[in-house]
Amino acid sequence: MPRIDLFTSPDCPSCPRAREVVAAFAAQHPEIVLREWDLSRNPGPAVGRGIFATPSLLLNGAEILFGVPTRAELLRHFRMTATGTEVAEAQACQDPDSRG
């Protein structure tokens, strides 16, 4: 099952936006399990992976993204399980100046 682990902290100014983007993405893709971790209280799967900054995301236990993700970044990662329409949409959203 696809999974997103979102790492936040109470004093993180970008965490509310990251939470909003990831929650909206997960709502559109109900097959994705979303779990949020407060890095200051319980680092969970961040342990041993070098995740110390917030917001950060661990996608399917493998890929790490730092900062507020874009919808296109999330779609690119999960496109192997996405429908053809979502893949086309992800490719159309790609910006050559974006992170990646």
N, C-alpha and C. Protein backbone atom coordinates (compact mmCIF):
# COMPACT_ATOMS: atom_id res chain seq x y z
N MET A 1 0.85 -1.18 0.00
CA MET A 1 0.00 0.00 0.00
C MET A 1 0.90 1.25 0.00
N PRO A 2 0.63 2.22 -0.88
CA PRO A 2 1.42 3.45 -0.92
C PRO A 2 1.32 4.20 0.41
N ARG A 3 2.42 4.83 0.79
CA ARG A 3 2.46 5.48 2.11
C ARG A 3 3.25 6.78 2.06
N ILE A 4 2.75 7.77 2.79
CA ILE A 4 3.47 9.03 3.00
C ILE A 4 3.62 9.24 4.50
N ASP A 5 4.87 9.38 4.95
CA ASP A 5 5.14 9.78 6.33
C ASP A 5 5.57 11.24 6.28
N LEU A 6 4.81 12.10 6.93
CA LEU A 6 5.08 13.54 6.97
C LEU A 6 5.67 13.87 8.33
N PHE A 7 6.84 14.50 8.33
CA PHE A 7 7.52 14.88 9.56
C PHE A 7 7.38 16.37 9.77
N THR A 8 6.81 16.74 10.92
CA THR A 8 6.58 18.14 11.25
C THR A 8 7.11 18.43 12.65
N SER A 9 7.07 19.69 13.02
CA SER A 9 7.39 20.10 14.39
C SER A 9 6.57 21.33 14.73
N PRO A 10 6.30 21.57 16.00
CA PRO A 10 5.43 22.67 16.40
C PRO A 10 5.93 24.06 15.99
N ASP A 11 7.25 24.25 15.93
CA ASP A 11 7.78 25.57 15.62
C ASP A 11 8.14 25.75 14.14
N CYS A 12 7.70 24.86 13.29
CA CYS A 12 8.01 24.88 11.86
C CYS A 12 7.02 25.78 11.11
N PRO A 13 7.50 26.89 10.52
CA PRO A 13 6.58 27.79 9.83
C PRO A 13 6.03 27.24 8.51
N SER A 14 6.72 26.30 7.90
CA SER A 14 6.26 25.73 6.62
C SER A 14 5.42 24.48 6.78
N CYS A 15 5.38 23.94 7.98
CA CYS A 15 4.66 22.68 8.21
C CYS A 15 3.16 22.76 7.94
N PRO A 16 2.47 23.84 8.31
CA PRO A 16 1.04 23.87 7.98
C PRO A 16 0.77 23.78 6.48
N ARG A 17 1.58 24.43 5.67
CA ARG A 17 1.39 24.36 4.21
C ARG A 17 1.70 22.95 3.70
N ALA A 18 2.77 22.34 4.19
CA ALA A 18 3.10 20.97 3.78
C ALA A 18 1.96 20.03 4.15
N ARG A 19 1.43 20.19 5.35
CA ARG A 19 0.31 19.36 5.83
C ARG A 19 -0.89 19.52 4.89
N GLU A 20 -1.17 20.75 4.49
CA GLU A 20 -2.29 21.05 3.61
C GLU A 20 -2.12 20.37 2.23
N VAL A 21 -0.93 20.52 1.65
CA VAL A 21 -0.66 19.93 0.33
C VAL A 21 -0.75 18.41 0.38
N VAL A 22 -0.12 17.81 1.38
CA VAL A 22 -0.09 16.36 1.49
C VAL A 22 -1.49 15.81 1.80
N ALA A 23 -2.22 16.47 2.67
CA ALA A 23 -3.57 16.01 3.01
C ALA A 23 -4.49 16.08 1.79
N ALA A 24 -4.38 17.15 1.00
CA ALA A 24 -5.20 17.27 -0.21
C ALA A 24 -4.85 16.17 -1.21
N PHE A 25 -3.56 15.89 -1.36
CA PHE A 25 -3.12 14.84 -2.27
C PHE A 25 -3.64 13.48 -1.80
N ALA A 26 -3.50 13.20 -0.51
CA ALA A 26 -3.96 11.92 0.03
C ALA A 26 -5.48 11.78 -0.09
N ALA A 27 -6.21 12.88 0.05
CA ALA A 27 -7.67 12.84 -0.08
C ALA A 27 -8.07 12.47 -1.51
N GLN A 28 -7.27 12.89 -2.49
CA GLN A 28 -7.55 12.56 -3.88
C GLN A 28 -7.09 11.15 -4.25
N HIS A 29 -6.27 10.56 -3.39
CA HIS A 29 -5.73 9.22 -3.65
C HIS A 29 -5.94 8.37 -2.39
N PRO A 30 -7.17 7.88 -2.19
CA PRO A 30 -7.50 7.18 -0.94
C PRO A 30 -6.69 5.91 -0.70
N GLU A 31 -6.00 5.41 -1.71
CA GLU A 31 -5.17 4.22 -1.51
C GLU A 31 -3.88 4.55 -0.74
N ILE A 32 -3.56 5.84 -0.61
CA ILE A 32 -2.34 6.25 0.08
C ILE A 32 -2.59 6.39 1.58
N VAL A 33 -1.74 5.75 2.35
CA VAL A 33 -1.79 5.87 3.81
C VAL A 33 -0.94 7.07 4.20
N LEU A 34 -1.51 8.00 4.94
CA LEU A 34 -0.80 9.19 5.39
C LEU A 34 -0.62 9.13 6.89
N ARG A 35 0.62 9.34 7.32
CA ARG A 35 0.92 9.34 8.76
C ARG A 35 1.78 10.55 9.05
N GLU A 36 1.38 11.34 10.03
CA GLU A 36 2.16 12.51 10.42
C GLU A 36 2.90 12.23 11.72
N TRP A 37 4.17 12.64 11.76
CA TRP A 37 5.02 12.44 12.93
C TRP A 37 5.52 13.79 13.42
N ASP A 38 5.40 14.04 14.71
CA ASP A 38 5.98 15.24 15.32
C ASP A 38 7.42 14.88 15.66
N LEU A 39 8.35 15.42 14.87
CA LEU A 39 9.76 15.05 15.02
C LEU A 39 10.31 15.38 16.39
N SER A 40 9.71 16.37 17.07
CA SER A 40 10.19 16.75 18.40
C SER A 40 9.72 15.78 19.49
N ARG A 41 8.70 14.98 19.20
CA ARG A 41 8.16 14.06 20.20
C ARG A 41 8.40 12.59 19.87
N ASN A 42 8.19 12.24 18.60
CA ASN A 42 8.31 10.85 18.19
C ASN A 42 8.80 10.83 16.74
N PRO A 43 10.08 10.59 16.52
CA PRO A 43 10.61 10.63 15.16
C PRO A 43 10.18 9.46 14.28
N GLY A 44 9.67 8.40 14.90
CA GLY A 44 9.18 7.27 14.11
C GLY A 44 10.18 6.80 13.08
N PRO A 45 9.73 6.67 11.82
CA PRO A 45 10.61 6.14 10.78
C PRO A 45 11.72 7.08 10.34
N ALA A 46 11.81 8.28 10.92
CA ALA A 46 12.91 9.20 10.59
C ALA A 46 14.23 8.69 11.16
N VAL A 47 14.14 7.89 12.21
CA VAL A 47 15.33 7.38 12.89
C VAL A 47 16.19 6.59 11.90
N GLY A 48 17.46 6.95 11.85
CA GLY A 48 18.40 6.25 10.99
C GLY A 48 18.37 6.65 9.54
N ARG A 49 17.54 7.62 9.18
CA ARG A 49 17.44 8.03 7.78
C ARG A 49 17.98 9.43 7.54
N GLY A 50 18.51 10.08 8.58
CA GLY A 50 19.06 11.42 8.41
C GLY A 50 18.00 12.50 8.24
N ILE A 51 16.80 12.23 8.71
CA ILE A 51 15.73 13.24 8.61
C ILE A 51 15.69 14.01 9.91
N PHE A 52 16.13 15.26 9.85
CA PHE A 52 16.16 16.12 11.04
C PHE A 52 15.40 17.42 10.82
N ALA A 53 15.18 17.78 9.57
CA ALA A 53 14.52 19.05 9.22
C ALA A 53 13.04 18.82 8.99
N THR A 54 12.26 19.86 9.23
CA THR A 54 10.83 19.80 8.96
C THR A 54 10.44 21.00 8.10
N PRO A 55 9.47 20.82 7.23
CA PRO A 55 8.78 19.57 6.92
C PRO A 55 9.64 18.67 6.04
N SER A 56 9.47 17.39 6.23
CA SER A 56 10.11 16.37 5.39
C SER A 56 9.09 15.27 5.15
N LEU A 57 9.27 14.56 4.05
CA LEU A 57 8.38 13.45 3.73
C LEU A 57 9.21 12.22 3.40
N LEU A 58 8.73 11.09 3.83
CA LEU A 58 9.29 9.80 3.46
C LEU A 58 8.21 9.12 2.63
N LEU A 59 8.52 8.86 1.36
CA LEU A 59 7.54 8.30 0.45
C LEU A 59 7.81 6.81 0.26
N ASN A 60 6.84 6.01 0.63
CA ASN A 60 6.94 4.55 0.53
C ASN A 60 8.18 4.00 1.22
N GLY A 61 8.61 4.66 2.28
CA GLY A 61 9.75 4.17 3.05
C GLY A 61 11.09 4.29 2.33
N ALA A 62 11.12 5.00 1.20
CA ALA A 62 12.35 5.03 0.42
C ALA A 62 12.80 6.44 0.05
N GLU A 63 11.99 7.19 -0.66
CA GLU A 63 12.38 8.51 -1.16
C GLU A 63 12.09 9.57 -0.11
N ILE A 64 13.05 10.48 0.09
CA ILE A 64 12.89 11.57 1.06
C ILE A 64 12.78 12.89 0.31
N LEU A 65 11.77 13.66 0.66
CA LEU A 65 11.61 15.03 0.14
C LEU A 65 11.71 15.98 1.32
N PHE A 66 12.41 17.08 1.12
CA PHE A 66 12.52 18.11 2.15
C PHE A 66 11.75 19.34 1.71
N GLY A 67 11.10 20.00 2.65
CA GLY A 67 10.34 21.21 2.34
C GLY A 67 8.91 20.89 1.98
N VAL A 68 8.22 21.91 1.48
CA VAL A 68 6.82 21.76 1.08
C VAL A 68 6.79 21.15 -0.31
N PRO A 69 6.19 19.98 -0.45
CA PRO A 69 6.18 19.33 -1.77
C PRO A 69 5.15 19.98 -2.68
N THR A 70 5.34 19.81 -3.97
CA THR A 70 4.31 20.22 -4.91
C THR A 70 3.48 19.00 -5.25
N ARG A 71 2.30 19.25 -5.76
CA ARG A 71 1.44 18.14 -6.19
C ARG A 71 2.14 17.34 -7.29
N ALA A 72 2.83 18.04 -8.18
CA ALA A 72 3.55 17.37 -9.28
C ALA A 72 4.64 16.44 -8.75
N GLU A 73 5.35 16.86 -7.71
CA GLU A 73 6.38 15.99 -7.11
C GLU A 73 5.75 14.71 -6.55
N LEU A 74 4.63 14.88 -5.87
CA LEU A 74 3.96 13.71 -5.30
C LEU A 74 3.43 12.80 -6.40
N LEU A 75 2.85 13.39 -7.43
CA LEU A 75 2.36 12.58 -8.55
C LEU A 75 3.50 11.84 -9.24
N ARG A 76 4.63 12.52 -9.43
CA ARG A 76 5.78 11.86 -10.07
C ARG A 76 6.21 10.63 -9.28
N HIS A 77 6.24 10.77 -7.98
CA HIS A 77 6.67 9.64 -7.17
C HIS A 77 5.68 8.48 -7.24
N PHE A 78 4.41 8.79 -7.18
CA PHE A 78 3.40 7.74 -7.11
C PHE A 78 2.85 7.35 -8.49
N ARG A 79 3.43 7.84 -9.57
CA ARG A 79 2.87 7.57 -10.89
C ARG A 79 2.88 6.10 -11.29
N MET A 80 3.72 5.30 -10.66
CA MET A 80 3.73 3.88 -10.99
C MET A 80 2.40 3.23 -10.64
N THR A 81 1.69 3.80 -9.68
CA THR A 81 0.39 3.24 -9.30
C THR A 81 -0.76 4.14 -9.74
N ALA A 82 -0.40 5.25 -10.43
CA ALA A 82 -1.42 6.21 -10.85
C ALA A 82 -2.06 5.77 -12.16
N THR A 83 -3.22 6.35 -12.45
CA THR A 83 -3.88 6.08 -13.72
C THR A 83 -3.19 6.87 -14.82
N GLY A 84 -3.44 6.53 -16.06
CA GLY A 84 -2.85 7.24 -17.20
C GLY A 84 -3.16 8.73 -17.18
N THR A 85 -4.36 9.11 -16.75
CA THR A 85 -4.73 10.53 -16.69
C THR A 85 -3.85 11.26 -15.70
N GLU A 86 -3.62 10.66 -14.54
CA GLU A 86 -2.79 11.29 -13.52
C GLU A 86 -1.34 11.40 -13.98
N VAL A 87 -0.87 10.40 -14.71
CA VAL A 87 0.50 10.46 -15.22
C VAL A 87 0.62 11.61 -16.21
N ALA A 88 -0.33 11.73 -17.11
CA ALA A 88 -0.29 12.82 -18.08
C ALA A 88 -0.35 14.17 -17.37
N GLU A 89 -1.17 14.26 -16.33
CA GLU A 89 -1.29 15.49 -15.56
C GLU A 89 0.02 15.81 -14.85
N ALA A 90 0.67 14.81 -14.29
CA ALA A 90 1.96 15.02 -13.61
C ALA A 90 3.00 15.52 -14.60
N GLN A 91 3.02 14.93 -15.79
CA GLN A 91 3.99 15.36 -16.79
C GLN A 91 3.70 16.78 -17.26
N ALA A 92 2.43 17.13 -17.38
CA ALA A 92 2.07 18.48 -17.79
C ALA A 92 2.41 19.51 -16.73
N CYS A 93 2.43 19.10 -15.46
CA CYS A 93 2.72 20.02 -14.36
C CYS A 93 4.21 20.23 -14.15
N GLN A 94 5.04 19.43 -14.79
CA GLN A 94 6.48 19.54 -14.54
C GLN A 94 6.99 20.89 -15.02
N ASP A 95 7.71 21.53 -14.15
CA ASP A 95 8.30 22.84 -14.43
C ASP A 95 9.81 22.65 -14.42
N PRO A 96 10.52 23.05 -15.49
CA PRO A 96 11.97 22.83 -15.52
C PRO A 96 12.72 23.53 -14.39
N ASP A 97 12.12 24.53 -13.78
CA ASP A 97 12.76 25.24 -12.68
C ASP A 97 12.42 24.66 -11.32
N SER A 98 11.54 23.64 -11.31
CA SER A 98 11.12 23.09 -10.01
C SER A 98 12.16 22.14 -9.47
N ARG A 99 12.01 21.83 -8.17
CA ARG A 99 12.90 20.85 -7.54
C ARG A 99 12.68 19.51 -8.18
N GLY A 100 13.66 18.64 -8.05
CA GLY A 100 13.35 17.35 -8.57
C GLY A 100 14.47 16.45 -8.55
